[in-house]
Amino acid sequence: MTNMENKATYKSPQIDALLTALTGRDRTACVESLTCATCGGDAQKVAFRDPLSWKEFQISGMCQECQDEVFGVSED
């Protein structure tokens, strides 16, 4: 994958605070520790499908399984 750095994308502090309040987990800390911000599971348990899925993890903190639940799975 292109950028495998465990670094969350920037969000305004207010958005990060809202996400933390909603999930009970700090998105930035989750990305850095490879933990899912949605389910709290190990984000490495199921490999990311492609570079776009990895980028989504950096944006949202969602593991591949949570991404699949939220966005669905492409038939491609």
Protein backbone atom coordinates (compact mmCIF):
# COMPACT_ATOMS: atom_id res chain seq x y z
CA MET A 1 0.00 0.00 0.00
CA THR A 2 1.16 3.49 -0.68
CA ASN A 3 1.20 5.22 2.71
CA MET A 4 1.21 2.71 5.54
CA GLU A 5 2.02 5.33 8.17
CA ASN A 6 -0.08 4.95 11.33
CA LYS A 7 -1.09 8.59 11.38
CA ALA A 8 -4.64 9.88 11.42
CA THR A 9 -5.64 12.58 8.98
CA TYR A 10 -6.17 16.05 10.45
CA LYS A 11 -9.63 17.00 11.64
CA SER A 12 -10.57 20.12 13.54
CA PRO A 13 -10.38 19.66 17.32
CA GLN A 14 -14.16 20.12 17.53
CA ILE A 15 -14.80 17.27 15.09
CA ASP A 16 -12.34 14.99 16.89
CA ALA A 17 -14.02 15.85 20.21
CA LEU A 18 -17.44 15.04 18.73
CA LEU A 19 -16.23 11.70 17.37
CA THR A 20 -14.68 10.84 20.73
CA ALA A 21 -17.94 11.71 22.48
CA LEU A 22 -19.92 9.54 20.05
CA THR A 23 -17.66 6.47 20.09
CA GLY A 24 -15.94 6.78 23.45
CA ARG A 25 -12.61 6.34 21.66
CA ASP A 26 -10.00 8.84 20.50
CA ARG A 27 -9.77 8.42 16.70
CA THR A 28 -6.17 9.67 16.49
CA ALA A 29 -4.96 7.33 19.24
CA CYS A 30 -6.85 4.45 17.64
CA VAL A 31 -5.19 4.98 14.26
CA GLU A 32 -1.76 5.23 15.87
CA SER A 33 -2.31 1.99 17.82
CA LEU A 34 -4.08 0.23 14.92
CA THR A 35 -7.27 -0.14 16.94
CA CYS A 36 -10.71 0.39 15.44
CA ALA A 37 -12.37 3.59 16.66
CA THR A 38 -15.79 2.05 16.01
CA CYS A 39 -15.67 -1.48 17.45
CA GLY A 40 -12.48 -1.23 19.52
CA GLY A 41 -11.04 -4.32 17.86
CA ASP A 42 -7.61 -4.93 16.38
CA ALA A 43 -7.59 -3.13 13.03
CA GLN A 44 -4.89 -5.51 11.76
CA LYS A 45 -6.99 -8.63 12.43
CA VAL A 46 -8.50 -8.39 8.95
CA ALA A 47 -6.11 -6.91 6.40
CA PHE A 48 -7.22 -3.79 4.61
CA ARG A 49 -8.54 -4.65 1.17
CA ASP A 50 -6.75 -1.92 -0.77
CA PRO A 51 -5.01 1.45 -0.41
CA LEU A 52 -8.37 3.25 -0.39
CA SER A 53 -9.53 1.19 2.61
CA TRP A 54 -6.28 2.00 4.43
CA LYS A 55 -6.83 5.70 3.68
CA GLU A 56 -10.36 5.43 5.06
CA PHE A 57 -8.89 3.95 8.25
CA GLN A 58 -6.63 7.00 8.56
CA ILE A 59 -9.68 9.24 8.08
CA SER A 60 -12.30 7.47 10.20
CA GLY A 61 -10.39 4.97 12.32
CA MET A 62 -12.67 2.15 11.13
CA CYS A 63 -11.23 -1.33 10.60
CA GLN A 64 -12.00 -3.20 7.36
CA GLU A 65 -14.93 -5.09 8.93
CA CYS A 66 -16.55 -1.85 10.18
CA GLN A 67 -15.96 -0.18 6.81
CA ASP A 68 -17.70 -3.12 5.13
CA GLU A 69 -20.66 -2.80 7.50
CA VAL A 70 -20.99 0.95 6.95
CA PHE A 71 -20.21 1.20 3.23
CA GLY A 72 -21.01 -2.32 2.03
CA VAL A 73 -18.74 -4.62 0.07
CA SER A 74 -18.11 -3.99 -3.61
CA GLU A 75 -18.82 -6.87 -6.00
CA ASP A 76 -15.89 -5.80 -8.24
